[in-house]
Amino acid sequence: MPRMSPPRPTLRLDTLPKAYARILMALQRRSGLTREEIAQQAYVAPTTLSGGGYLRHMKELGLIHISGWRRNAAGAFSIPQYSTGCAHDYPRPASTAETREAPGMFRLVAAIERHGPVDYRQAARLAGLSPNTVKNAGYLKALIAQGMVFVAGWRRARNGPPRPLYEFGAGPSLPPPSPLSGAEKSRRHRERKTATQSIGSLANQLRAASRPLPPR
């Protein structure tokens, strides 16, 4: 006969911290709560839930489990949702560019639709976002993958590589231009220098014309 495992002893909630009962009551009223929502409704500090190991211990006892995942501000699934009962944790969904969502992305689409074509710095300013956030969070790459925007052109910068210009829609994105040759860089430098000298000469002429004439 196969060896039977001994029955699991009945868990007595009165031997556990009182906060456990409040957490279970909060989850019975509404399932799928996040750590912050549990903390608010069960009157337990968020640091106690995680740092104190309350949620981990309750999962080990079979009192709660992860029943889903919620997106964070950047659009990735990183916030677990808890429900009562002994069940397998819901697997964390993979976050891809095609499925990514974030409030900042919606604001970028609206700004590009209204003012495009714009580069990422202009799009960030128009959407009320930090340029570093837009650049490092990969919002625009995700929007291109979703067919919401495309690269309509490129703007060469004085220093550094050219910047893509984003336009609203699902058009084909243009590849980056070829790097400038040494001769092209020299020509552009001469043109800027000539333009600067012309502006300075014009300013001198305007100052000279505005001087009062000497008395006769």
N, C-alpha and C. Protein backbone atom coordinates (compact mmCIF):
# COMPACT_ATOMS: atom_id res chain seq x y z
N MET A 1 0.85 -1.19 0.00
CA MET A 1 0.00 0.00 0.00
C MET A 1 0.88 1.24 0.00
N PRO A 2 0.47 2.30 -0.75
CA PRO A 2 1.27 3.52 -0.73
C PRO A 2 1.22 4.17 0.63
N ARG A 3 2.31 4.75 1.00
CA ARG A 3 2.41 5.38 2.30
C ARG A 3 1.63 6.70 2.30
N MET A 4 0.72 6.81 3.24
CA MET A 4 -0.12 8.00 3.34
C MET A 4 0.59 9.05 4.18
N SER A 5 0.53 10.32 3.71
CA SER A 5 1.11 11.40 4.49
C SER A 5 0.18 11.72 5.65
N PRO A 6 0.73 12.10 6.80
CA PRO A 6 -0.12 12.40 7.96
C PRO A 6 -1.00 13.60 7.68
N PRO A 7 -2.21 13.63 8.23
CA PRO A 7 -3.11 14.76 8.00
C PRO A 7 -2.52 16.06 8.52
N ARG A 8 -2.81 17.11 7.82
CA ARG A 8 -2.30 18.42 8.20
C ARG A 8 -3.09 18.94 9.39
N PRO A 9 -2.41 19.40 10.44
CA PRO A 9 -3.14 19.88 11.61
C PRO A 9 -4.00 21.09 11.28
N THR A 10 -5.13 21.19 11.95
CA THR A 10 -6.05 22.31 11.74
C THR A 10 -5.39 23.61 12.19
N LEU A 11 -5.47 24.60 11.31
CA LEU A 11 -4.84 25.88 11.61
C LEU A 11 -5.76 26.70 12.50
N ARG A 12 -5.25 27.20 13.58
CA ARG A 12 -6.02 28.06 14.49
C ARG A 12 -5.60 29.51 14.28
N LEU A 13 -6.57 30.30 13.80
CA LEU A 13 -6.26 31.69 13.51
C LEU A 13 -5.97 32.48 14.77
N ASP A 14 -6.50 32.00 15.92
CA ASP A 14 -6.29 32.77 17.16
C ASP A 14 -4.86 32.68 17.66
N THR A 15 -4.07 31.76 17.05
CA THR A 15 -2.66 31.66 17.43
C THR A 15 -1.76 32.51 16.54
N LEU A 16 -2.35 33.12 15.51
CA LEU A 16 -1.59 33.94 14.56
C LEU A 16 -1.74 35.41 14.92
N PRO A 17 -0.88 36.28 14.35
CA PRO A 17 -1.04 37.72 14.59
C PRO A 17 -2.44 38.20 14.23
N LYS A 18 -2.98 39.14 14.98
CA LYS A 18 -4.33 39.63 14.75
C LYS A 18 -4.48 40.25 13.36
N ALA A 19 -3.37 40.75 12.82
CA ALA A 19 -3.44 41.36 11.49
C ALA A 19 -3.84 40.35 10.42
N TYR A 20 -3.54 39.05 10.65
CA TYR A 20 -3.89 38.04 9.67
C TYR A 20 -5.40 37.98 9.47
N ALA A 21 -6.15 38.04 10.58
CA ALA A 21 -7.60 37.99 10.48
C ALA A 21 -8.14 39.20 9.74
N ARG A 22 -7.55 40.37 9.98
CA ARG A 22 -8.00 41.58 9.29
C ARG A 22 -7.69 41.49 7.79
N ILE A 23 -6.54 40.91 7.46
CA ILE A 23 -6.18 40.74 6.04
C ILE A 23 -7.17 39.80 5.36
N LEU A 24 -7.51 38.68 6.02
CA LEU A 24 -8.45 37.73 5.43
C LEU A 24 -9.83 38.36 5.26
N MET A 25 -10.26 39.15 6.23
CA MET A 25 -11.56 39.81 6.13
C MET A 25 -11.58 40.79 4.95
N ALA A 26 -10.47 41.51 4.76
CA ALA A 26 -10.40 42.47 3.65
C ALA A 26 -10.47 41.73 2.31
N LEU A 27 -9.79 40.58 2.22
CA LEU A 27 -9.80 39.82 0.96
C LEU A 27 -11.12 39.08 0.74
N GLN A 28 -11.83 38.77 1.81
CA GLN A 28 -13.14 38.16 1.65
C GLN A 28 -14.16 39.18 1.15
N ARG A 29 -13.99 40.42 1.56
CA ARG A 29 -14.89 41.48 1.08
C ARG A 29 -14.63 41.76 -0.39
N ARG A 30 -13.35 41.70 -0.79
CA ARG A 30 -13.00 41.99 -2.17
C ARG A 30 -11.72 41.25 -2.51
N SER A 31 -11.76 40.38 -3.48
CA SER A 31 -10.59 39.62 -3.87
C SER A 31 -9.75 40.41 -4.87
N GLY A 32 -8.52 39.96 -5.05
CA GLY A 32 -7.63 40.59 -6.02
C GLY A 32 -7.06 41.91 -5.57
N LEU A 33 -6.79 42.05 -4.26
CA LEU A 33 -6.22 43.29 -3.75
C LEU A 33 -4.70 43.28 -3.85
N THR A 34 -4.12 44.45 -4.08
CA THR A 34 -2.67 44.58 -4.07
C THR A 34 -2.18 44.79 -2.64
N ARG A 35 -0.87 44.79 -2.48
CA ARG A 35 -0.30 44.97 -1.15
C ARG A 35 -0.74 46.30 -0.54
N GLU A 36 -0.70 47.38 -1.34
CA GLU A 36 -1.09 48.68 -0.82
C GLU A 36 -2.56 48.72 -0.46
N GLU A 37 -3.40 48.06 -1.26
CA GLU A 37 -4.84 48.03 -0.96
C GLU A 37 -5.13 47.22 0.29
N ILE A 38 -4.41 46.10 0.46
CA ILE A 38 -4.57 45.31 1.69
C ILE A 38 -4.15 46.14 2.90
N ALA A 39 -3.03 46.84 2.79
CA ALA A 39 -2.54 47.66 3.89
C ALA A 39 -3.57 48.70 4.30
N GLN A 40 -4.22 49.31 3.32
CA GLN A 40 -5.20 50.35 3.62
C GLN A 40 -6.45 49.77 4.27
N GLN A 41 -6.92 48.63 3.80
CA GLN A 41 -8.18 48.09 4.29
C GLN A 41 -8.03 47.24 5.54
N ALA A 42 -6.83 46.70 5.76
CA ALA A 42 -6.60 45.86 6.93
C ALA A 42 -5.83 46.60 8.02
N TYR A 43 -5.49 47.87 7.77
CA TYR A 43 -4.80 48.71 8.76
C TYR A 43 -3.46 48.09 9.17
N VAL A 44 -2.70 47.72 8.14
CA VAL A 44 -1.36 47.18 8.35
C VAL A 44 -0.40 47.96 7.46
N ALA A 45 0.77 48.31 7.98
CA ALA A 45 1.73 49.07 7.19
C ALA A 45 2.22 48.22 6.01
N PRO A 46 2.37 48.84 4.81
CA PRO A 46 2.87 48.07 3.65
C PRO A 46 4.22 47.43 3.91
N THR A 47 5.09 48.12 4.66
CA THR A 47 6.40 47.54 4.95
C THR A 47 6.28 46.30 5.83
N THR A 48 5.26 46.26 6.70
CA THR A 48 5.05 45.09 7.55
C THR A 48 4.58 43.90 6.72
N LEU A 49 3.70 44.18 5.72
CA LEU A 49 3.20 43.10 4.88
C LEU A 49 4.32 42.40 4.13
N SER A 50 5.26 43.18 3.59
CA SER A 50 6.36 42.60 2.81
C SER A 50 7.59 42.36 3.67
N GLY A 51 8.08 43.45 4.28
CA GLY A 51 9.28 43.33 5.09
C GLY A 51 9.10 42.42 6.29
N GLY A 52 7.90 42.44 6.89
CA GLY A 52 7.63 41.58 8.02
C GLY A 52 7.29 40.16 7.64
N GLY A 53 7.09 39.93 6.36
CA GLY A 53 6.82 38.58 5.89
C GLY A 53 5.40 38.10 6.08
N TYR A 54 4.45 39.01 6.36
CA TYR A 54 3.07 38.58 6.59
C TYR A 54 2.48 37.87 5.38
N LEU A 55 2.59 38.50 4.21
CA LEU A 55 2.00 37.91 3.01
C LEU A 55 2.68 36.61 2.65
N ARG A 56 3.99 36.56 2.76
CA ARG A 56 4.71 35.33 2.44
C ARG A 56 4.29 34.21 3.39
N HIS A 57 4.19 34.52 4.69
CA HIS A 57 3.81 33.50 5.67
C HIS A 57 2.39 33.01 5.44
N MET A 58 1.48 33.93 5.11
CA MET A 58 0.09 33.54 4.87
C MET A 58 -0.02 32.67 3.61
N LYS A 59 0.84 32.92 2.62
CA LYS A 59 0.86 32.06 1.43
C LYS A 59 1.36 30.67 1.81
N GLU A 60 2.38 30.59 2.65
CA GLU A 60 2.92 29.30 3.07
C GLU A 60 1.89 28.51 3.87
N LEU A 61 1.02 29.19 4.62
CA LEU A 61 -0.02 28.52 5.40
C LEU A 61 -1.23 28.15 4.55
N GLY A 62 -1.25 28.58 3.30
CA GLY A 62 -2.37 28.26 2.44
C GLY A 62 -3.58 29.15 2.67
N LEU A 63 -3.38 30.30 3.29
CA LEU A 63 -4.50 31.20 3.55
C LEU A 63 -4.79 32.10 2.36
N ILE A 64 -3.76 32.47 1.62
CA ILE A 64 -3.93 33.36 0.48
C ILE A 64 -3.05 32.87 -0.67
N HIS A 65 -3.29 33.41 -1.84
CA HIS A 65 -2.47 33.10 -3.00
C HIS A 65 -2.50 34.29 -3.96
N ILE A 66 -1.59 34.32 -4.92
CA ILE A 66 -1.56 35.37 -5.94
C ILE A 66 -2.55 34.98 -7.03
N SER A 67 -3.60 35.79 -7.17
CA SER A 67 -4.66 35.47 -8.13
C SER A 67 -4.57 36.27 -9.42
N GLY A 68 -3.61 37.17 -9.52
CA GLY A 68 -3.46 37.96 -10.73
C GLY A 68 -2.32 38.95 -10.58
N TRP A 69 -2.10 39.72 -11.66
CA TRP A 69 -1.03 40.71 -11.68
C TRP A 69 -1.55 42.01 -12.28
N ARG A 70 -1.08 43.12 -11.75
CA ARG A 70 -1.48 44.43 -12.23
C ARG A 70 -0.25 45.14 -12.80
N ARG A 71 -0.50 45.99 -13.79
CA ARG A 71 0.60 46.74 -14.40
C ARG A 71 1.07 47.85 -13.48
N ASN A 72 2.38 48.16 -13.56
CA ASN A 72 2.91 49.32 -12.86
C ASN A 72 2.83 50.55 -13.76
N ALA A 73 3.37 51.67 -13.30
CA ALA A 73 3.27 52.92 -14.07
C ALA A 73 3.98 52.83 -15.41
N ALA A 74 4.98 51.96 -15.51
CA ALA A 74 5.72 51.81 -16.76
C ALA A 74 5.08 50.81 -17.70
N GLY A 75 3.98 50.17 -17.27
CA GLY A 75 3.27 49.25 -18.15
C GLY A 75 3.64 47.79 -18.00
N ALA A 76 4.53 47.45 -17.09
CA ALA A 76 4.95 46.06 -16.90
C ALA A 76 4.11 45.41 -15.80
N PHE A 77 3.88 44.09 -15.92
CA PHE A 77 3.15 43.36 -14.89
C PHE A 77 4.09 43.06 -13.73
N SER A 78 4.01 43.82 -12.67
CA SER A 78 4.92 43.65 -11.54
C SER A 78 4.22 43.75 -10.19
N ILE A 79 2.91 43.98 -10.16
CA ILE A 79 2.19 44.18 -8.90
C ILE A 79 1.27 42.98 -8.68
N PRO A 80 1.59 42.10 -7.71
CA PRO A 80 0.74 40.93 -7.47
C PRO A 80 -0.57 41.31 -6.80
N GLN A 81 -1.63 40.55 -7.13
CA GLN A 81 -2.95 40.71 -6.51
C GLN A 81 -3.26 39.44 -5.73
N TYR A 82 -3.79 39.61 -4.52
CA TYR A 82 -3.98 38.48 -3.61
C TYR A 82 -5.46 38.18 -3.41
N SER A 83 -5.75 36.89 -3.22
CA SER A 83 -7.09 36.42 -2.89
C SER A 83 -6.96 35.34 -1.83
N THR A 84 -8.08 35.01 -1.16
CA THR A 84 -8.06 33.99 -0.13
C THR A 84 -8.04 32.60 -0.76
N GLY A 85 -7.60 31.63 0.04
CA GLY A 85 -7.65 30.25 -0.38
C GLY A 85 -6.29 29.67 -0.72
N CYS A 86 -6.23 28.34 -0.65
CA CYS A 86 -4.99 27.62 -0.98
C CYS A 86 -5.06 27.22 -2.45
N ALA A 87 -4.32 27.91 -3.29
CA ALA A 87 -4.30 27.63 -4.73
C ALA A 87 -2.93 27.99 -5.28
N HIS A 88 -2.66 27.49 -6.48
CA HIS A 88 -1.40 27.83 -7.12
C HIS A 88 -1.40 29.31 -7.49
N ASP A 89 -0.24 29.94 -7.34
CA ASP A 89 -0.12 31.35 -7.72
C ASP A 89 -0.31 31.52 -9.22
N TYR A 90 -1.01 32.57 -9.59
CA TYR A 90 -1.21 32.86 -11.01
C TYR A 90 0.12 33.30 -11.60
N PRO A 91 0.55 32.70 -12.71
CA PRO A 91 1.86 33.07 -13.27
C PRO A 91 1.89 34.53 -13.73
N ARG A 92 3.03 35.11 -13.57
CA ARG A 92 3.20 36.51 -13.96
C ARG A 92 3.25 36.62 -15.49
N PRO A 93 2.37 37.42 -16.11
CA PRO A 93 2.37 37.53 -17.57
C PRO A 93 3.64 38.19 -18.07
N ALA A 94 4.09 37.74 -19.22
CA ALA A 94 5.25 38.36 -19.85
C ALA A 94 4.84 39.70 -20.44
N SER A 95 5.66 40.71 -20.24
CA SER A 95 5.38 42.04 -20.78
C SER A 95 6.19 42.23 -22.05
N THR A 96 5.50 42.38 -23.18
CA THR A 96 6.17 42.59 -24.46
C THR A 96 5.82 43.97 -24.99
N ALA A 97 6.55 44.40 -25.99
CA ALA A 97 6.29 45.71 -26.57
C ALA A 97 4.89 45.78 -27.16
N GLU A 98 4.40 44.65 -27.71
CA GLU A 98 3.09 44.63 -28.35
C GLU A 98 1.95 44.72 -27.35
N THR A 99 2.17 44.28 -26.08
CA THR A 99 1.10 44.28 -25.09
C THR A 99 1.29 45.34 -24.02
N ARG A 100 2.34 46.11 -24.12
CA ARG A 100 2.65 47.06 -23.06
C ARG A 100 1.66 48.22 -23.06
N GLU A 101 1.30 48.67 -21.85
CA GLU A 101 0.42 49.81 -21.69
C GLU A 101 0.92 50.64 -20.52
N ALA A 102 0.81 51.96 -20.64
CA ALA A 102 1.18 52.86 -19.57
C ALA A 102 0.51 54.21 -19.83
N PRO A 103 0.12 54.92 -18.77
CA PRO A 103 -0.51 56.23 -18.97
C PRO A 103 0.35 57.19 -19.79
N GLY A 104 1.67 57.14 -19.56
CA GLY A 104 2.56 58.01 -20.32
C GLY A 104 2.53 57.73 -21.81
N MET A 105 2.31 56.48 -22.18
CA MET A 105 2.25 56.13 -23.60
C MET A 105 1.03 56.75 -24.26
N PHE A 106 -0.10 56.74 -23.57
CA PHE A 106 -1.31 57.34 -24.14
C PHE A 106 -1.13 58.85 -24.33
N ARG A 107 -0.45 59.48 -23.37
CA ARG A 107 -0.20 60.93 -23.49
C ARG A 107 0.74 61.23 -24.65
N LEU A 108 1.73 60.36 -24.87
CA LEU A 108 2.64 60.56 -26.00
C LEU A 108 1.91 60.43 -27.33
N VAL A 109 1.04 59.45 -27.44
CA VAL A 109 0.29 59.27 -28.69
C VAL A 109 -0.54 60.51 -28.99
N ALA A 110 -1.22 61.04 -27.96
CA ALA A 110 -2.05 62.23 -28.17
C ALA A 110 -1.21 63.42 -28.60
N ALA A 111 -0.02 63.58 -27.98
CA ALA A 111 0.85 64.71 -28.33
C ALA A 111 1.40 64.57 -29.75
N ILE A 112 1.80 63.36 -30.13
CA ILE A 112 2.35 63.15 -31.47
C ILE A 112 1.26 63.30 -32.53
N GLU A 113 0.06 62.81 -32.23
CA GLU A 113 -1.04 62.95 -33.18
C GLU A 113 -1.35 64.42 -33.46
N ARG A 114 -1.22 65.24 -32.44
CA ARG A 114 -1.58 66.66 -32.59
C ARG A 114 -0.45 67.50 -33.14
N HIS A 115 0.81 67.18 -32.77
CA HIS A 115 1.92 68.08 -33.10
C HIS A 115 3.00 67.43 -33.98
N GLY A 116 2.87 66.17 -34.34
CA GLY A 116 3.94 65.51 -35.07
C GLY A 116 4.15 66.08 -36.46
N PRO A 117 5.33 65.82 -37.07
CA PRO A 117 6.41 64.99 -36.52
C PRO A 117 7.26 65.74 -35.48
N VAL A 118 7.63 65.03 -34.42
CA VAL A 118 8.43 65.60 -33.34
C VAL A 118 9.46 64.56 -32.88
N ASP A 119 10.56 65.05 -32.30
CA ASP A 119 11.52 64.12 -31.73
C ASP A 119 11.09 63.77 -30.31
N TYR A 120 11.86 62.91 -29.64
CA TYR A 120 11.42 62.41 -28.34
C TYR A 120 11.41 63.51 -27.28
N ARG A 121 12.33 64.47 -27.39
CA ARG A 121 12.34 65.56 -26.42
C ARG A 121 11.10 66.44 -26.57
N GLN A 122 10.75 66.77 -27.80
CA GLN A 122 9.55 67.57 -28.03
C GLN A 122 8.30 66.82 -27.61
N ALA A 123 8.25 65.52 -27.94
CA ALA A 123 7.09 64.72 -27.56
C ALA A 123 6.95 64.65 -26.04
N ALA A 124 8.06 64.50 -25.33
CA ALA A 124 8.02 64.45 -23.87
C ALA A 124 7.50 65.76 -23.29
N ARG A 125 8.01 66.88 -23.81
CA ARG A 125 7.57 68.19 -23.30
C ARG A 125 6.08 68.40 -23.56
N LEU A 126 5.60 68.04 -24.75
CA LEU A 126 4.20 68.22 -25.09
C LEU A 126 3.29 67.31 -24.27
N ALA A 127 3.81 66.14 -23.87
CA ALA A 127 3.02 65.19 -23.09
C ALA A 127 3.18 65.40 -21.59
N GLY A 128 4.02 66.35 -21.18
CA GLY A 128 4.23 66.60 -19.76
C GLY A 128 5.03 65.51 -19.08
N LEU A 129 5.97 64.90 -19.80
CA LEU A 129 6.79 63.83 -19.25
C LEU A 129 8.26 64.24 -19.26
N SER A 130 9.06 63.52 -18.49
CA SER A 130 10.50 63.75 -18.48
C SER A 130 11.12 63.15 -19.73
N PRO A 131 12.00 63.89 -20.44
CA PRO A 131 12.67 63.30 -21.60
C PRO A 131 13.43 62.03 -21.26
N ASN A 132 14.05 61.98 -20.08
CA ASN A 132 14.78 60.77 -19.68
C ASN A 132 13.84 59.58 -19.52
N THR A 133 12.63 59.84 -18.98
CA THR A 133 11.65 58.76 -18.83
C THR A 133 11.23 58.22 -20.19
N VAL A 134 10.94 59.12 -21.13
CA VAL A 134 10.51 58.71 -22.46
C VAL A 134 11.62 57.93 -23.16
N LYS A 135 12.86 58.38 -22.99
CA LYS A 135 13.98 57.73 -23.67
C LYS A 135 14.32 56.37 -23.07
N ASN A 136 14.35 56.31 -21.72
CA ASN A 136 14.84 55.10 -21.06
C ASN A 136 13.75 54.05 -20.83
N ALA A 137 12.48 54.46 -20.77
CA ALA A 137 11.41 53.50 -20.51
C ALA A 137 11.00 52.73 -21.76
N GLY A 138 11.45 53.16 -22.94
CA GLY A 138 11.10 52.45 -24.16
C GLY A 138 9.68 52.65 -24.62
N TYR A 139 9.04 53.76 -24.20
CA TYR A 139 7.66 54.01 -24.59
C TYR A 139 7.49 54.07 -26.11
N LEU A 140 8.37 54.83 -26.78
CA LEU A 140 8.20 55.04 -28.21
C LEU A 140 8.47 53.76 -29.00
N LYS A 141 9.40 52.95 -28.56
CA LYS A 141 9.64 51.67 -29.23
C LYS A 141 8.41 50.77 -29.13
N ALA A 142 7.76 50.79 -27.94
CA ALA A 142 6.56 50.00 -27.77
C ALA A 142 5.43 50.52 -28.65
N LEU A 143 5.31 51.83 -28.77
CA LEU A 143 4.25 52.41 -29.60
C LEU A 143 4.48 52.09 -31.08
N ILE A 144 5.74 52.05 -31.50
CA ILE A 144 6.04 51.66 -32.89
C ILE A 144 5.63 50.20 -33.11
N ALA A 145 5.96 49.32 -32.14
CA ALA A 145 5.61 47.91 -32.27
C ALA A 145 4.10 47.71 -32.31
N GLN A 146 3.35 48.59 -31.66
CA GLN A 146 1.89 48.48 -31.63
C GLN A 146 1.23 49.18 -32.82
N GLY A 147 2.04 49.81 -33.68
CA GLY A 147 1.50 50.48 -34.85
C GLY A 147 0.80 51.79 -34.55
N MET A 148 1.13 52.40 -33.41
CA MET A 148 0.50 53.67 -33.04
C MET A 148 1.26 54.87 -33.61
N VAL A 149 2.59 54.77 -33.71
CA VAL A 149 3.41 55.84 -34.28
C VAL A 149 4.47 55.19 -35.17
N PHE A 150 5.15 56.02 -35.97
CA PHE A 150 6.25 55.53 -36.80
C PHE A 150 7.26 56.64 -36.97
N VAL A 151 8.45 56.28 -37.40
CA VAL A 151 9.52 57.25 -37.63
C VAL A 151 9.34 57.81 -39.04
N ALA A 152 8.97 59.11 -39.10
CA ALA A 152 8.70 59.74 -40.39
C ALA A 152 9.92 60.42 -40.98
N GLY A 153 10.97 60.60 -40.20
CA GLY A 153 12.17 61.27 -40.68
C GLY A 153 13.21 61.33 -39.58
N TRP A 154 14.31 61.99 -39.88
CA TRP A 154 15.42 62.10 -38.93
C TRP A 154 15.93 63.53 -38.92
N ARG A 155 16.33 64.00 -37.74
CA ARG A 155 16.87 65.34 -37.58
C ARG A 155 18.31 65.22 -37.11
N ARG A 156 19.21 65.78 -37.91
CA ARG A 156 20.63 65.74 -37.52
C ARG A 156 20.88 66.77 -36.43
N ALA A 157 21.59 66.33 -35.40
CA ALA A 157 21.93 67.21 -34.29
C ALA A 157 23.32 67.78 -34.49
N ARG A 158 23.60 68.90 -33.83
CA ARG A 158 24.94 69.49 -33.92
C ARG A 158 25.98 68.52 -33.39
N ASN A 159 25.66 67.93 -32.25
CA ASN A 159 26.55 66.94 -31.66
C ASN A 159 25.74 65.67 -31.40
N GLY A 160 26.32 64.54 -31.69
CA GLY A 160 25.64 63.29 -31.45
C GLY A 160 24.91 62.78 -32.67
N PRO A 161 24.31 61.60 -32.55
CA PRO A 161 23.64 60.98 -33.69
C PRO A 161 22.34 61.69 -34.02
N PRO A 162 21.80 61.48 -35.23
CA PRO A 162 20.53 62.10 -35.60
C PRO A 162 19.39 61.53 -34.77
N ARG A 163 18.36 62.35 -34.57
CA ARG A 163 17.21 61.94 -33.77
C ARG A 163 16.04 61.60 -34.67
N PRO A 164 15.32 60.51 -34.34
CA PRO A 164 14.13 60.18 -35.14
C PRO A 164 13.00 61.16 -34.88
N LEU A 165 12.20 61.42 -35.90
CA LEU A 165 11.01 62.25 -35.79
C LEU A 165 9.79 61.34 -35.88
N TYR A 166 8.93 61.42 -34.88
CA TYR A 166 7.81 60.50 -34.77
C TYR A 166 6.52 61.15 -35.28
N GLU A 167 5.76 60.32 -36.01
CA GLU A 167 4.48 60.76 -36.57
C GLU A 167 3.42 59.75 -36.16
N PHE A 168 2.19 60.22 -36.03
CA PHE A 168 1.09 59.35 -35.63
C PHE A 168 0.67 58.43 -36.78
N GLY A 169 0.37 57.17 -36.46
CA GLY A 169 -0.10 56.24 -37.47
C GLY A 169 0.75 54.98 -37.55
N ALA A 170 0.41 54.14 -38.52
CA ALA A 170 1.06 52.84 -38.66
C ALA A 170 1.92 52.77 -39.92
N GLY A 171 2.50 53.87 -40.34
CA GLY A 171 3.33 53.87 -41.53
C GLY A 171 4.66 53.18 -41.30
N PRO A 172 5.38 52.88 -42.38
CA PRO A 172 6.71 52.27 -42.25
C PRO A 172 7.72 53.27 -41.71
N SER A 173 8.52 52.85 -40.76
CA SER A 173 9.53 53.73 -40.18
C SER A 173 10.74 53.82 -41.09
N LEU A 174 11.25 55.04 -41.25
CA LEU A 174 12.43 55.26 -42.08
C LEU A 174 13.69 54.87 -41.33
N PRO A 175 14.64 54.24 -41.99
CA PRO A 175 15.90 53.89 -41.33
C PRO A 175 16.74 55.15 -41.08
N PRO A 176 17.66 55.09 -40.14
CA PRO A 176 18.51 56.26 -39.88
C PRO A 176 19.39 56.59 -41.07
N PRO A 177 19.72 57.88 -41.28
CA PRO A 177 20.58 58.25 -42.41
C PRO A 177 22.00 57.79 -42.20
N SER A 178 22.73 57.73 -43.29
CA SER A 178 24.13 57.33 -43.22
C SER A 178 24.94 58.41 -42.50
N PRO A 179 25.99 58.04 -41.78
CA PRO A 179 26.81 59.04 -41.11
C PRO A 179 27.44 60.01 -42.11
N LEU A 180 27.64 61.25 -41.66
CA LEU A 180 28.25 62.26 -42.52
C LEU A 180 29.72 61.93 -42.76
N SER A 181 30.18 62.19 -43.98
CA SER A 181 31.60 62.02 -44.28
C SER A 181 32.38 63.19 -43.70
N GLY A 182 33.70 63.07 -43.72
CA GLY A 182 34.53 64.16 -43.22
C GLY A 182 34.32 65.44 -44.00
N ALA A 183 34.17 65.33 -45.33
CA ALA A 183 33.96 66.53 -46.16
C ALA A 183 32.63 67.19 -45.83
N GLU A 184 31.58 66.38 -45.61
CA GLU A 184 30.27 66.94 -45.27
C GLU A 184 30.30 67.64 -43.91
N LYS A 185 31.01 67.05 -42.94
CA LYS A 185 31.12 67.68 -41.64
C LYS A 185 31.84 69.02 -41.75
N SER A 186 32.92 69.08 -42.57
CA SER A 186 33.65 70.34 -42.76
C SER A 186 32.77 71.39 -43.42
N ARG A 187 31.99 70.97 -44.41
CA ARG A 187 31.11 71.92 -45.10
C ARG A 187 30.05 72.48 -44.15
N ARG A 188 29.45 71.61 -43.34
CA ARG A 188 28.44 72.07 -42.38
C ARG A 188 29.06 73.01 -41.36
N HIS A 189 30.31 72.74 -40.96
CA HIS A 189 30.98 73.63 -40.00
C HIS A 189 31.21 75.00 -40.62
N ARG A 190 31.64 75.02 -41.89
CA ARG A 190 31.87 76.30 -42.56
C ARG A 190 30.57 77.08 -42.71
N GLU A 191 29.48 76.36 -43.02
CA GLU A 191 28.19 77.04 -43.17
C GLU A 191 27.73 77.65 -41.86
N ARG A 192 27.90 76.93 -40.76
CA ARG A 192 27.51 77.49 -39.46
C ARG A 192 28.38 78.69 -39.11
N LYS A 193 29.68 78.60 -39.42
CA LYS A 193 30.59 79.69 -39.10
C LYS A 193 30.25 80.94 -39.92
N THR A 194 29.92 80.72 -41.19
CA THR A 194 29.55 81.84 -42.05
C THR A 194 28.25 82.48 -41.57
N ALA A 195 27.28 81.64 -41.19
CA ALA A 195 26.01 82.17 -40.69
C ALA A 195 26.22 82.97 -39.42
N THR A 196 27.09 82.49 -38.53
CA THR A 196 27.36 83.20 -37.28
C THR A 196 28.02 84.54 -37.55
N GLN A 197 28.96 84.56 -38.49
CA GLN A 197 29.63 85.81 -38.83
C GLN A 197 28.65 86.80 -39.46
N SER A 198 27.74 86.30 -40.29
CA SER A 198 26.76 87.17 -40.93
C SER A 198 25.84 87.80 -39.90
N ILE A 199 25.42 86.98 -38.92
CA ILE A 199 24.56 87.51 -37.86
C ILE A 199 25.30 88.58 -37.06
N GLY A 200 26.58 88.32 -36.76
CA GLY A 200 27.36 89.31 -36.01
C GLY A 200 27.55 90.59 -36.78
N SER A 201 27.81 90.47 -38.10
CA SER A 201 27.97 91.67 -38.93
C SER A 201 26.67 92.47 -38.99
N LEU A 202 25.54 91.79 -39.13
CA LEU A 202 24.25 92.48 -39.18
C LEU A 202 23.97 93.19 -37.86
N ALA A 203 24.32 92.54 -36.75
CA ALA A 203 24.10 93.17 -35.45
C ALA A 203 24.94 94.43 -35.32
N ASN A 204 26.19 94.39 -35.81
CA ASN A 204 27.03 95.59 -35.74
C ASN A 204 26.45 96.71 -36.59
N GLN A 205 25.93 96.38 -37.76
CA GLN A 205 25.33 97.40 -38.62
C GLN A 205 24.12 98.04 -37.96
N LEU A 206 23.30 97.22 -37.29
CA LEU A 206 22.12 97.76 -36.62
C LEU A 206 22.51 98.65 -35.46
N ARG A 207 23.55 98.27 -34.73
CA ARG A 207 24.00 99.12 -33.62
C ARG A 207 24.55 100.46 -34.15
N ALA A 208 25.30 100.38 -35.26
CA ALA A 208 25.85 101.61 -35.83
C ALA A 208 24.75 102.53 -36.33
N ALA A 209 23.71 101.93 -36.92
CA ALA A 209 22.61 102.76 -37.46
C ALA A 209 21.80 103.39 -36.35
N SER A 210 21.78 102.78 -35.16
CA SER A 210 20.96 103.32 -34.07
C SER A 210 21.69 104.39 -33.27
N ARG A 211 22.98 104.61 -33.54
CA ARG A 211 23.71 105.64 -32.80
C ARG A 211 23.25 107.03 -33.23
N PRO A 212 23.13 107.94 -32.29
CA PRO A 212 22.72 109.32 -32.67
C PRO A 212 23.81 110.01 -33.48
N LEU A 213 23.40 110.81 -34.43
CA LEU A 213 24.34 111.54 -35.26
C LEU A 213 25.02 112.62 -34.43
N PRO A 214 26.31 112.89 -34.71
CA PRO A 214 27.02 113.95 -33.96
C PRO A 214 26.43 115.33 -34.34
N PRO A 215 26.43 116.26 -33.39
CA PRO A 215 25.91 117.61 -33.68
C PRO A 215 26.76 118.30 -34.73
N ARG A 216 26.09 119.08 -35.62
CA ARG A 216 26.79 119.81 -36.66
C ARG A 216 27.26 121.17 -36.12
